[in-house]
Protein backbone atom coordinates (compact mmCIF):
# COMPACT_ATOMS: atom_id res chain seq x y z
CA UNK A 1 -161.86 -69.98 97.55
CA UNK A 2 -160.26 -68.43 100.64
CA UNK A 3 -163.01 -66.03 100.97
CA UNK A 4 -165.52 -68.79 101.03
CA UNK A 5 -163.79 -70.33 104.24
CA UNK A 6 -163.83 -67.23 106.25
CA UNK A 7 -167.12 -65.64 105.38
CA UNK A 8 -169.91 -67.86 106.13
CA UNK A 9 -172.23 -65.69 104.15
CA UNK A 10 -170.74 -65.92 100.75
CA UNK A 11 -170.96 -69.42 101.26
CA UNK A 12 -174.87 -69.12 102.07
CA UNK A 13 -175.50 -66.80 99.04
CA UNK A 14 -173.48 -69.15 96.82
CA UNK A 15 -175.72 -71.97 98.11
CA UNK A 16 -179.05 -70.26 97.82
CA UNK A 17 -177.97 -69.42 94.42
CA UNK A 18 -177.37 -73.23 93.33
CA UNK A 19 -180.51 -73.82 94.73
CA UNK A 20 -182.36 -71.37 93.03
CA UNK A 21 -180.52 -72.58 89.70
CA UNK A 22 -181.44 -76.24 90.42
CA UNK A 23 -185.15 -75.27 91.07
CA UNK A 24 -185.37 -73.51 87.68
CA UNK A 25 -183.65 -76.29 85.81
CA UNK A 26 -185.78 -79.18 87.74
CA UNK A 27 -188.74 -76.78 86.15
CA UNK A 28 -187.58 -76.63 82.58
CA UNK A 29 -187.00 -80.26 82.75
CA UNK A 30 -190.33 -81.11 84.01
CA UNK A 31 -191.88 -78.61 81.54
CA UNK A 32 -190.18 -80.25 78.71
CA UNK A 33 -191.32 -83.53 79.98
CA UNK A 34 -194.81 -82.78 79.65
CA UNK A 35 -194.77 -80.74 76.95
CA UNK A 36 -196.69 -82.26 73.85
CA UNK A 37 -195.99 -82.02 70.13
CA UNK A 38 -192.11 -80.96 70.43
CA UNK A 39 -190.12 -79.77 68.09
CA UNK A 40 -186.85 -80.90 67.68
CA UNK A 41 -184.97 -77.91 68.49
CA UNK A 42 -186.27 -78.22 72.02
CA UNK A 43 -184.23 -81.30 72.94
CA UNK A 44 -181.35 -78.74 72.84
CA UNK A 45 -182.89 -77.01 75.59
CA UNK A 46 -183.00 -80.22 77.54
CA UNK A 47 -179.53 -80.70 76.49
CA UNK A 48 -178.80 -77.34 78.01
CA UNK A 49 -180.57 -78.15 81.12
CA UNK A 50 -179.26 -81.22 82.34
CA UNK A 51 -175.17 -79.76 82.48
CA UNK A 52 -176.81 -76.68 84.25
CA UNK A 53 -178.66 -78.77 86.68
CA UNK A 54 -175.18 -80.98 87.42
CA UNK A 55 -173.09 -78.00 87.70
CA UNK A 56 -175.24 -76.85 90.18
CA UNK A 57 -175.04 -79.81 92.29
CA UNK A 58 -171.42 -79.87 91.80
CA UNK A 59 -170.69 -76.00 92.40
CA UNK A 60 -171.03 -75.94 96.39
CA UNK A 61 -168.74 -78.88 96.52
CA UNK A 62 -165.38 -77.48 96.44
CA UNK A 63 -166.03 -75.09 99.08
CA UNK A 64 -167.46 -77.65 101.40
CA UNK A 65 -164.51 -79.94 101.08
CA UNK A 66 -162.14 -76.85 102.09
CA UNK A 67 -163.79 -76.22 105.18
CA UNK A 68 -164.00 -79.84 106.34
CA UNK A 69 -161.02 -81.35 108.22
CA UNK A 70 -160.07 -84.14 105.69
CA UNK A 71 -157.04 -85.89 105.53
CA UNK A 72 -154.77 -84.81 102.50
CA UNK A 73 -155.85 -87.74 100.13
CA UNK A 74 -159.23 -87.87 100.40
CA UNK A 75 -159.66 -84.14 100.12
CA UNK A 76 -157.46 -83.92 97.09
CA UNK A 77 -159.64 -86.38 95.54
CA UNK A 78 -163.13 -84.51 96.21
CA UNK A 79 -161.77 -81.33 95.07
CA UNK A 80 -160.21 -82.83 91.88
CA UNK A 81 -163.86 -84.52 91.37
CA UNK A 82 -165.79 -81.74 92.17
CA UNK A 83 -163.46 -79.36 89.84
CA UNK A 84 -163.01 -81.93 86.94
CA UNK A 85 -167.00 -82.35 87.12
CA UNK A 86 -167.74 -78.51 87.20
CA UNK A 87 -165.14 -78.13 84.24
CA UNK A 88 -166.92 -80.78 82.27
CA UNK A 89 -170.74 -79.16 83.07
CA UNK A 90 -169.71 -75.99 82.10
CA UNK A 91 -167.70 -76.88 78.88
CA UNK A 92 -170.87 -79.00 77.93
CA UNK A 93 -172.97 -76.14 78.49
CA UNK A 94 -171.07 -73.55 76.30
CA UNK A 95 -170.94 -76.00 73.36
CA UNK A 96 -174.74 -76.74 73.49
CA UNK A 97 -175.10 -73.13 73.67
CA UNK A 98 -173.14 -73.08 70.39
CA UNK A 99 -175.26 -75.85 69.00
CA UNK A 100 -178.54 -73.88 69.77
CA UNK A 101 -177.21 -70.87 68.28
CA UNK A 102 -176.26 -72.55 64.95
CA UNK A 103 -179.73 -74.28 64.84
CA UNK A 104 -181.35 -71.01 65.38
CA UNK A 105 -179.51 -69.32 62.73
CA UNK A 106 -180.27 -72.06 60.39
CA UNK A 107 -183.63 -71.84 60.84
CA UNK A 108 -183.67 -68.21 60.07
CA UNK A 109 -181.41 -68.44 57.42
CA UNK A 110 -182.49 -71.16 55.60
CA UNK A 111 -186.09 -72.10 57.10
CA UNK A 112 -187.66 -74.39 54.32
CA UNK A 113 -184.54 -76.48 54.20
CA UNK A 114 -184.38 -76.46 57.87
CA UNK A 115 -187.61 -77.86 58.43
CA UNK A 116 -187.36 -80.62 55.84
CA UNK A 117 -183.97 -81.69 57.12
CA UNK A 118 -183.78 -81.37 60.91
CA UNK A 119 -185.32 -84.34 62.61
CA UNK A 120 -185.01 -85.29 66.49
CA UNK A 121 -182.90 -88.20 65.07
CA UNK A 122 -180.32 -85.56 63.58
CA UNK A 123 -180.76 -83.05 67.15
CA UNK A 124 -179.92 -86.55 69.21
CA UNK A 125 -176.68 -87.48 66.93
CA UNK A 126 -175.38 -83.36 67.29
CA UNK A 127 -176.06 -83.56 71.34
CA UNK A 128 -174.32 -86.83 71.42
CA UNK A 129 -171.47 -85.25 69.58
CA UNK A 130 -171.43 -82.01 71.86
CA UNK A 131 -170.94 -84.72 74.61
CA UNK A 132 -168.41 -86.39 72.96
CA UNK A 133 -166.57 -83.24 72.40
CA UNK A 134 -166.93 -81.63 75.93
CA UNK A 135 -165.56 -85.09 77.21
CA UNK A 136 -162.32 -84.58 75.27
């Protein structure tokens, strides 16, 4: 992180990359919102876009907090908040990616059974489970 404080161009690059990720994830969420007759698996991709979007908002927070002359308790709290939030969102993204992978594997390996058993309600329960696991 010391390099981010010394070199402003690296911080600018970090903020630019995060802005691109935010724009892409917002675009994904808008497309998914207006998509008619969604298959249940699309909800997994929506569940992946949210933590990625939130992590992109949090990522520039830690270097920015370290740059400003905060008093000790405030900076420690803000750095801990940014770090903990980032860890939560990246963990959630990884768990949702595992859920997507298992879902796709089941749909390819057992296509007929998959079509009969997978519903939006089932996918929502799986997404809720991923949130619960990542919060641990």
